[in-house]
Structure formats: structure tokens, C-alpha cells
Amino acid sequence: MDDPAQESLWRPLWRLQASMDADIARLYSGRRIEGLKPSFVMELLRLHARGPMTITELADSVGHTHSALSQKVAAMRAAGWVRTVAGDDARSKKVTLTDDARAIVGRLAAEWRATEAAIAEIEAEIPYPLTRVVTDIERALARKSFHDRIAEKLAHDPAWR
């Protein structure tokens, strides 16, 4: 059996994202900010701006699922960036920044602004900006969902039956 995963239209996008995240991580390392992943920054900035939140509230605010955010909060807690505290009632817990996170949140906001400006600069240099690509893909998916497109292809594949 051949390996269908050998080819991937999405792989270049994944590699690009990983490369850009690695460059951001190099900036953190250069400032001796250890254990911080670029993927944590949005949540840390959101917690700084809005204060402690439940995982559900934080997930909703950044557009992620509760499950995904729960895993990320566990990783951020293990890295020392957040902790959980008692919520409004005995059954709930809220996620809050640690002192270490509060000490660097200004730098994180500066990096976020610089990253957004760098992306805008790149988009000005290319003929078809990524933001336009995303919008165009979202419009195509509004016409026909990704699920429906895949299911349609699988309906004709004997290996799926």
C-alpha cells in the first residue's frame, strides 16, 4: 500500500506557520523568556486585559473549544504562566496570570503589535495576501462545507465503504 500522506497541499502552510512561530520563539529566547510558546500569547494577553476567566470563558473569548483550551491551560500552568484559583462558587475555577506572566505581559503586547505589523508588511509585498486567501476559503466553505466536500469524495472511494 502506498502512503497517501506523502503528498499534502496543506504541508507548506504548516511549515510556514512553524517557521514563523520559531522566529517569534527566538525573540523570546533572546529576551530570556524561557518556556513561552507563541501559541500561548493570545490567551495570556486576554487574561491580562479581562482578568481571571473560567476555561469556558477564555475559550469563547479566543474562539477555541473548551477541550483545546483545557489542554493549553494545562501546558501554560506547567510552564508557570497561569494558575487556577477558586471561582465565583465552590464548583468553578478561574484561570489567572502568574507573577511571571504579569512581569512580561508588556513585552508580549509589544511582540503582538510588531508581529501584526510585520504580517501587514509581508501582505503588502505579495500579490494575494493571506487574509484574502482565508476570506476566500471561508466563502467557499459557506457555499459547501469542508465536511460535505470530503464526504462527497469518500462516497466514491471503495476503501471508505
Protein backbone atom coordinates (compact mmCIF):
# COMPACT_ATOMS: atom_id res chain seq x y z
CA MET A 1 0.00 0.00 0.00
CA ASP A 2 1.37 3.40 -0.89
CA ASP A 3 1.49 6.26 1.63
CA PRO A 4 -1.17 8.89 0.78
CA ALA A 5 0.27 11.20 3.46
CA GLN A 6 3.44 11.55 1.36
CA GLU A 7 1.68 14.36 -0.52
CA SER A 8 -0.08 17.23 1.24
CA LEU A 9 -1.43 20.51 -0.07
CA TRP A 10 -1.50 21.85 3.49
CA ARG A 11 2.07 20.87 4.49
CA PRO A 12 3.66 24.07 3.12
CA LEU A 13 1.24 26.15 5.21
CA TRP A 14 2.03 24.11 8.33
CA ARG A 15 5.78 24.52 7.69
CA LEU A 16 5.36 28.26 7.16
CA GLN A 17 3.43 28.62 10.44
CA ALA A 18 6.04 26.54 12.29
CA SER A 19 8.86 28.63 10.84
CA MET A 20 7.20 31.90 11.80
CA ASP A 21 6.45 30.60 15.32
CA ALA A 22 10.11 29.52 15.64
CA ASP A 23 11.22 33.04 14.72
CA ILE A 24 8.93 34.50 17.39
CA ALA A 25 10.26 31.96 19.91
CA ARG A 26 13.81 33.11 19.04
CA LEU A 27 12.79 36.63 20.03
CA TYR A 28 11.57 35.35 23.41
CA SER A 29 14.77 33.39 23.89
CA GLY A 30 16.80 36.50 23.08
CA ARG A 31 14.97 38.27 25.93
CA ARG A 32 15.50 35.27 28.22
CA ILE A 33 11.78 34.49 28.32
CA GLU A 34 12.01 30.73 28.72
CA GLY A 35 9.18 28.23 28.36
CA LEU A 36 6.89 30.57 26.43
CA LYS A 37 5.31 29.30 23.24
CA PRO A 38 3.95 31.78 20.70
CA SER A 39 0.67 29.85 20.84
CA PHE A 40 0.20 30.94 24.50
CA VAL A 41 0.36 34.67 23.87
CA MET A 42 -3.22 35.40 22.82
CA GLU A 43 -4.60 33.76 25.95
CA LEU A 44 -2.08 35.48 28.21
CA LEU A 45 -2.91 38.86 26.69
CA ARG A 46 -6.64 38.15 27.00
CA LEU A 47 -6.27 37.22 30.69
CA HIS A 48 -4.28 40.39 31.28
CA ALA A 49 -6.90 42.55 29.56
CA ARG A 50 -10.01 40.92 31.05
CA GLY A 51 -8.83 39.38 34.30
CA PRO A 52 -9.36 35.82 35.55
CA MET A 53 -11.74 33.68 33.49
CA THR A 54 -13.05 30.15 33.52
CA ILE A 55 -11.70 27.90 30.81
CA THR A 56 -15.07 28.15 29.05
CA GLU A 57 -14.98 31.96 29.14
CA LEU A 58 -11.38 32.04 27.92
CA ALA A 59 -12.12 29.50 25.16
CA ASP A 60 -15.11 31.52 23.97
CA SER A 61 -13.10 34.76 24.01
CA VAL A 62 -10.36 33.36 21.76
CA GLY A 63 -12.56 31.16 19.57
CA HIS A 64 -11.32 27.74 20.68
CA THR A 65 -13.10 24.69 22.06
CA HIS A 66 -13.21 24.04 25.78
CA SER A 67 -11.23 20.83 25.25
CA ALA A 68 -8.44 22.56 23.29
CA LEU A 69 -8.22 25.39 25.80
CA SER A 70 -8.19 23.00 28.73
CA GLN A 71 -5.12 21.29 27.25
CA LYS A 72 -3.45 24.63 26.55
CA VAL A 73 -4.15 25.90 30.07
CA ALA A 74 -2.56 22.72 31.46
CA ALA A 75 0.55 23.38 29.35
CA MET A 76 0.65 27.06 30.36
CA ARG A 77 0.25 26.07 34.02
CA ALA A 78 3.08 23.54 33.72
CA ALA A 79 5.26 26.26 32.17
CA GLY A 80 4.44 28.63 35.04
CA TRP A 81 2.43 31.26 33.12
CA VAL A 82 -1.02 30.68 34.63
CA ARG A 83 -2.59 29.18 37.71
CA THR A 84 -6.13 28.31 38.68
CA VAL A 85 -7.94 29.97 41.55
CA ALA A 86 -11.34 29.47 43.15
CA GLY A 87 -14.18 30.78 41.01
CA ASP A 88 -17.40 32.51 41.93
CA ASP A 89 -18.74 29.34 43.52
CA ALA A 90 -17.16 26.25 45.02
CA ARG A 91 -17.55 24.24 41.81
CA SER A 92 -15.78 26.63 39.44
CA LYS A 93 -12.19 27.61 38.90
CA LYS A 94 -10.75 30.57 37.10
CA VAL A 95 -7.50 30.85 35.18
CA THR A 96 -5.29 33.77 36.16
CA LEU A 97 -1.81 35.00 35.28
CA THR A 98 1.15 34.22 37.50
CA ASP A 99 3.52 36.95 38.65
CA ASP A 100 5.99 35.78 35.99
CA ALA A 101 3.37 36.26 33.26
CA ARG A 102 2.37 39.69 34.60
CA ALA A 103 6.04 40.70 34.54
CA ILE A 104 6.33 40.08 30.78
CA VAL A 105 2.85 40.92 29.51
CA GLY A 106 4.02 44.35 28.28
CA ARG A 107 6.67 42.65 26.16
CA LEU A 108 4.09 40.19 24.85
CA ALA A 109 1.81 43.04 23.81
CA ALA A 110 4.75 44.72 22.06
CA GLU A 111 5.61 41.47 20.26
CA TRP A 112 1.96 41.03 19.22
CA ARG A 113 1.85 44.54 17.73
CA ALA A 114 5.20 44.05 15.98
CA THR A 115 4.11 40.66 14.61
CA GLU A 116 0.86 42.10 13.24
CA ALA A 117 2.81 44.97 11.64
CA ALA A 118 5.30 42.51 10.10
CA ILE A 119 2.45 40.43 8.68
CA ALA A 120 0.86 43.57 7.20
CA GLU A 121 4.24 44.41 5.66
CA ILE A 122 4.53 40.94 4.13
CA GLU A 123 0.97 41.10 2.82
CA ALA A 124 1.80 44.41 1.11
CA GLU A 125 4.69 42.68 -0.69
CA ILE A 126 2.73 39.76 -2.12
CA PRO A 127 0.09 39.78 -4.86
CA TYR A 128 -2.52 37.77 -2.95
CA PRO A 129 -2.50 38.40 0.83
CA LEU A 130 -3.12 35.54 3.24
CA THR A 131 -6.03 37.41 4.82
CA ARG A 132 -7.69 37.42 1.40
CA VAL A 133 -6.96 33.72 0.96
CA VAL A 134 -8.62 32.98 4.30
CA THR A 135 -11.66 35.09 3.42
CA ASP A 136 -11.96 33.38 0.04
CA ILE A 137 -11.70 29.92 1.64
CA GLU A 138 -14.33 30.86 4.23
CA ARG A 139 -16.67 31.97 1.43
CA ALA A 140 -16.10 28.72 -0.46
CA LEU A 141 -16.83 26.73 2.72
CA ALA A 142 -20.00 28.75 3.31
CA ARG A 143 -21.17 27.55 -0.10
CA LYS A 144 -20.24 23.94 0.68
CA SER A 145 -18.72 22.77 3.97
CA PHE A 146 -15.37 21.03 4.22
CA HIS A 147 -17.22 18.07 5.75
CA ASP A 148 -19.55 17.82 2.76
CA ARG A 149 -16.67 18.11 0.31
CA ILE A 150 -14.73 15.31 2.00
CA ALA A 151 -17.83 13.13 2.42
CA GLU A 152 -18.57 13.54 -1.29
CA LYS A 153 -15.07 12.32 -2.21
CA LEU A 154 -15.30 9.43 0.27
CA ALA A 155 -18.61 8.30 -1.21
CA HIS A 156 -16.69 7.38 -4.37
CA ASP A 157 -13.77 5.70 -2.60
CA PRO A 158 -14.23 1.93 -2.13
CA ALA A 159 -11.74 1.90 0.74
CA TRP A 160 -14.12 4.07 2.81
CA ARG A 161 -17.07 1.68 2.50
